[in-house]
N, C-alpha and C. Protein backbone atom coordinates (compact mmCIF):
# COMPACT_ATOMS: atom_id res chain seq x y z
N MET A 1 3.61 -6.37 -34.43
CA MET A 1 2.76 -7.39 -35.28
C MET A 1 3.79 -8.54 -34.94
N PHE A 2 4.97 -8.65 -35.49
CA PHE A 2 5.34 -10.05 -34.99
C PHE A 2 6.71 -9.68 -34.39
N ARG A 3 6.69 -10.67 -33.57
CA ARG A 3 8.14 -10.61 -32.17
C ARG A 3 9.25 -11.65 -32.58
N GLN A 4 10.26 -11.12 -31.97
CA GLN A 4 11.57 -11.79 -32.50
C GLN A 4 11.52 -13.18 -32.24
N ILE A 5 11.78 -14.23 -32.78
CA ILE A 5 11.84 -15.83 -32.71
C ILE A 5 13.37 -15.81 -31.45
N GLY A 6 12.73 -16.46 -30.51
CA GLY A 6 13.56 -16.99 -29.44
C GLY A 6 14.45 -18.34 -29.69
N ALA A 7 14.58 -18.75 -28.55
CA ALA A 7 15.65 -19.87 -28.87
C ALA A 7 14.39 -20.99 -28.61
N GLY A 8 13.65 -21.23 -28.11
CA GLY A 8 12.72 -22.25 -28.09
C GLY A 8 12.36 -22.28 -29.32
N GLU A 9 11.52 -21.57 -29.72
CA GLU A 9 11.09 -21.37 -31.61
C GLU A 9 11.82 -22.27 -32.66
N ILE A 10 13.35 -21.83 -32.03
CA ILE A 10 14.14 -22.21 -33.56
C ILE A 10 14.04 -23.71 -32.86
N ILE A 11 14.39 -24.36 -31.68
CA ILE A 11 14.45 -25.66 -31.33
C ILE A 11 13.58 -26.44 -31.85
N LEU A 12 11.94 -25.78 -31.76
CA LEU A 12 10.61 -26.33 -32.03
C LEU A 12 10.79 -26.45 -33.95
N ILE A 13 11.50 -25.36 -34.50
CA ILE A 13 11.59 -25.29 -36.15
C ILE A 13 12.38 -26.57 -36.55
N VAL A 14 13.35 -26.88 -35.94
CA VAL A 14 14.56 -27.68 -36.07
C VAL A 14 13.96 -28.78 -36.03
N ALA A 15 13.65 -29.21 -34.52
CA ALA A 15 12.92 -30.52 -34.59
C ALA A 15 11.68 -31.29 -35.31
N VAL A 16 10.97 -29.86 -35.94
CA VAL A 16 9.94 -30.21 -37.26
C VAL A 16 10.41 -30.61 -38.74
N LEU A 17 11.64 -30.12 -38.70
CA LEU A 17 12.13 -30.14 -39.77
C LEU A 17 12.78 -32.07 -39.72
N LEU A 18 13.01 -31.78 -38.44
CA LEU A 18 14.24 -33.03 -38.45
C LEU A 18 13.05 -34.16 -38.83
N LEU A 19 12.18 -34.49 -38.36
CA LEU A 19 10.75 -35.26 -38.19
C LEU A 19 10.78 -35.07 -39.67
N PHE A 20 10.16 -34.14 -40.42
CA PHE A 20 9.82 -34.18 -41.71
C PHE A 20 10.64 -34.33 -43.07
N PHE A 21 12.22 -34.02 -42.71
CA PHE A 21 13.18 -34.60 -44.06
C PHE A 21 13.92 -35.31 -43.04
N GLY A 22 14.34 -35.79 -42.32
CA GLY A 22 15.31 -36.62 -41.72
C GLY A 22 16.88 -36.00 -41.47
N ALA A 23 17.33 -36.35 -40.81
CA ALA A 23 18.61 -36.07 -40.38
C ALA A 23 19.41 -35.96 -41.72
N ARG A 24 19.68 -37.39 -42.51
CA ARG A 24 20.31 -37.05 -43.44
C ARG A 24 20.12 -36.26 -44.79
N LYS A 25 18.89 -35.70 -44.95
CA LYS A 25 18.59 -34.56 -45.79
C LYS A 25 18.63 -32.95 -45.81
N LEU A 26 18.66 -32.91 -44.03
CA LEU A 26 18.87 -31.31 -43.88
C LEU A 26 20.68 -30.90 -44.75
N PRO A 27 21.50 -31.34 -44.08
CA PRO A 27 22.56 -30.45 -44.57
C PRO A 27 22.27 -30.28 -46.29
N ASP A 28 21.72 -31.36 -46.37
CA ASP A 28 21.56 -30.64 -48.43
C ASP A 28 20.42 -29.82 -48.36
N LEU A 29 19.40 -29.56 -47.45
CA LEU A 29 18.59 -28.50 -47.89
C LEU A 29 18.81 -27.22 -47.39
N ALA A 30 19.74 -27.47 -46.06
CA ALA A 30 20.45 -25.85 -46.06
C ALA A 30 21.60 -25.76 -46.83
N ARG A 31 22.10 -26.39 -47.62
CA ARG A 31 22.80 -25.98 -48.33
C ARG A 31 22.29 -25.70 -49.94
N SER A 32 21.27 -26.09 -50.46
CA SER A 32 20.62 -25.55 -51.06
C SER A 32 19.71 -24.17 -50.89
N ILE A 33 19.19 -23.74 -49.63
CA ILE A 33 19.06 -22.64 -49.17
C ILE A 33 19.59 -21.90 -49.24
N GLY A 34 20.99 -22.30 -48.83
CA GLY A 34 22.30 -20.92 -49.19
C GLY A 34 22.13 -20.57 -50.38
N ARG A 35 22.45 -21.52 -51.06
CA ARG A 35 22.74 -20.91 -52.49
C ARG A 35 21.40 -20.36 -52.95
N SER A 36 20.52 -20.72 -53.18
CA SER A 36 19.23 -20.11 -53.60
C SER A 36 19.53 -18.14 -52.87
N ALA A 37 19.47 -18.25 -51.88
CA ALA A 37 20.06 -16.50 -51.35
C ALA A 37 20.85 -15.97 -51.51
N ARG A 38 21.65 -16.79 -51.99
CA ARG A 38 23.20 -16.10 -52.54
C ARG A 38 22.76 -15.83 -54.13
N GLU A 39 22.24 -16.60 -54.77
CA GLU A 39 21.85 -16.28 -55.85
C GLU A 39 20.62 -14.72 -56.14
N LEU A 40 19.73 -15.26 -55.11
CA LEU A 40 18.20 -13.59 -55.13
C LEU A 40 19.29 -12.49 -54.91
N ARG A 41 20.51 -12.80 -54.04
CA ARG A 41 21.34 -11.40 -53.45
C ARG A 41 22.45 -10.77 -54.59
N LYS A 42 22.62 -11.75 -55.18
CA LYS A 42 23.52 -11.38 -56.91
C LYS A 42 22.41 -10.71 -57.93
N GLY A 43 21.28 -10.93 -58.15
CA GLY A 43 20.80 -11.29 -58.75
C GLY A 43 20.34 -9.49 -58.39
N LEU A 44 19.82 -9.52 -57.28
CA LEU A 44 19.23 -8.30 -56.79
C LEU A 44 20.38 -7.09 -57.22
N SER A 45 21.33 -7.58 -56.55
CA SER A 45 22.36 -6.47 -56.73
C SER A 45 22.62 -6.16 -58.47
N GLY A 46 22.76 -6.73 -59.15
CA GLY A 46 23.08 -6.70 -60.67
C GLY A 46 21.86 -6.10 -60.74
N GLU A 47 20.09 -5.84 -60.55
CA GLU A 47 19.59 -5.31 -60.75
C GLU A 47 19.54 -3.69 -60.36
N ASP A 48 20.35 -3.64 -59.67
CA ASP A 48 20.63 -2.07 -59.10
C ASP A 48 21.54 -1.84 -59.96
N GLU A 49 22.93 -2.03 -60.26
CA GLU A 49 23.84 -1.61 -61.13
C GLU A 49 22.89 -1.28 -62.83
N GLU A 50 22.13 -2.27 -63.13
CA GLU A 50 21.64 -1.83 -64.62
C GLU A 50 20.57 -0.74 -63.88
N LYS A 51 20.07 -0.33 -63.05
CA LYS A 51 19.45 0.92 -62.70
C LYS A 51 19.93 2.16 -62.76
N ASP A 52 21.21 1.75 -61.97
CA ASP A 52 22.18 3.11 -61.70
C ASP A 52 22.71 3.17 -63.49
N ASP A 53 23.20 2.32 -64.31
CA ASP A 53 23.54 2.71 -65.65
C ASP A 53 22.74 3.26 -66.30
N GLU A 54 21.03 2.97 -66.25
CA GLU A 54 19.93 3.29 -67.24
C GLU A 54 19.83 4.91 -66.40
N LEU A 55 19.80 5.46 -65.25
CA LEU A 55 19.70 6.71 -64.97
C LEU A 55 20.97 7.14 -65.34
N ALA A 56 22.11 7.29 -65.67
CA ALA A 56 23.43 7.78 -66.27
C ALA A 56 22.82 8.11 -67.36
N VAL A 57 22.98 9.45 -67.41
CA VAL A 57 22.43 10.67 -68.67
C VAL A 57 23.70 10.98 -69.74
N ASP A 58 23.80 10.69 -70.28
CA ASP A 58 24.64 11.19 -70.90
C ASP A 58 24.97 12.51 -71.82
N PRO A 59 26.15 13.24 -71.67
CA PRO A 59 26.08 14.98 -72.17
C PRO A 59 25.46 14.83 -73.79
N VAL A 60 24.72 15.66 -73.97
CA VAL A 60 24.51 16.24 -75.59
C VAL A 60 25.97 16.42 -75.87
N PRO A 61 26.95 16.24 -77.27
CA PRO A 61 27.73 16.56 -77.86
C PRO A 61 27.31 17.75 -78.34
N THR A 62 28.82 18.82 -78.48
CA THR A 62 28.78 19.93 -78.85
C THR A 62 29.64 20.06 -80.20
N ASP A 63 29.40 21.41 -80.91
CA ASP A 63 30.36 21.31 -81.92
C ASP A 63 31.33 22.47 -80.97
N ALA A 64 32.25 22.82 -81.75
CA ALA A 64 33.65 23.44 -81.34
C ALA A 64 33.13 24.93 -80.85
N ASP A 65 32.58 25.35 -80.65
CA ASP A 65 31.88 26.59 -80.33
C ASP A 65 30.76 26.44 -78.99
N GLY A 66 30.83 25.38 -78.90
CA GLY A 66 30.20 24.72 -77.39
C GLY A 66 28.35 24.98 -78.04
N ASP A 67 27.94 25.33 -79.19
CA ASP A 67 26.57 25.14 -79.25
C ASP A 67 26.26 23.43 -79.56
N GLU A 68 24.86 23.61 -79.82
CA GLU A 68 24.40 22.05 -79.44
C GLU A 68 24.66 21.83 -81.16
N PRO A 69 24.99 20.68 -81.94
CA PRO A 69 25.02 20.34 -83.45
C PRO A 69 23.44 20.35 -83.82
N ALA A 70 23.28 21.20 -84.76
CA ALA A 70 22.27 20.86 -85.82
C ALA A 70 21.58 19.65 -86.06
N SER A 71 20.05 19.21 -85.79
CA SER A 71 19.83 17.76 -85.95
C SER A 71 19.62 17.59 -87.60
N ASP A 72 19.89 16.25 -88.00
CA ASP A 72 19.32 16.21 -89.47
C ASP A 72 18.22 16.04 -89.70
N ALA A 73 17.12 16.29 -89.07
CA ALA A 73 15.12 15.97 -89.13
C ALA A 73 15.28 17.69 -89.81
N GLU A 74 16.25 19.05 -89.34
CA GLU A 74 15.83 20.28 -90.09
C GLU A 74 15.98 20.41 -91.58
N GLY A 75 16.29 19.72 -91.92
CA GLY A 75 16.18 19.90 -93.43
C GLY A 75 15.54 19.47 -94.34
N SER A 76 14.50 18.45 -93.63
CA SER A 76 13.24 17.80 -93.87
C SER A 76 12.68 18.31 -94.33
């Protein structure tokens, strides 16, 4: 569906950006886009770590005989 972007397209995009924002604003714009991308990657990797923590299953504690301990609700 989409083809790769070539050098001509990149030059056209840069020219339009220069006309739209001006030469003084482009470095600030590029810097803010880079920071946003970095924050997005940090956020996405943090979510992956949280999912891994949620998926980790704690083993059921057992007593000395290796049996599961009796629950507190049995006597009620």
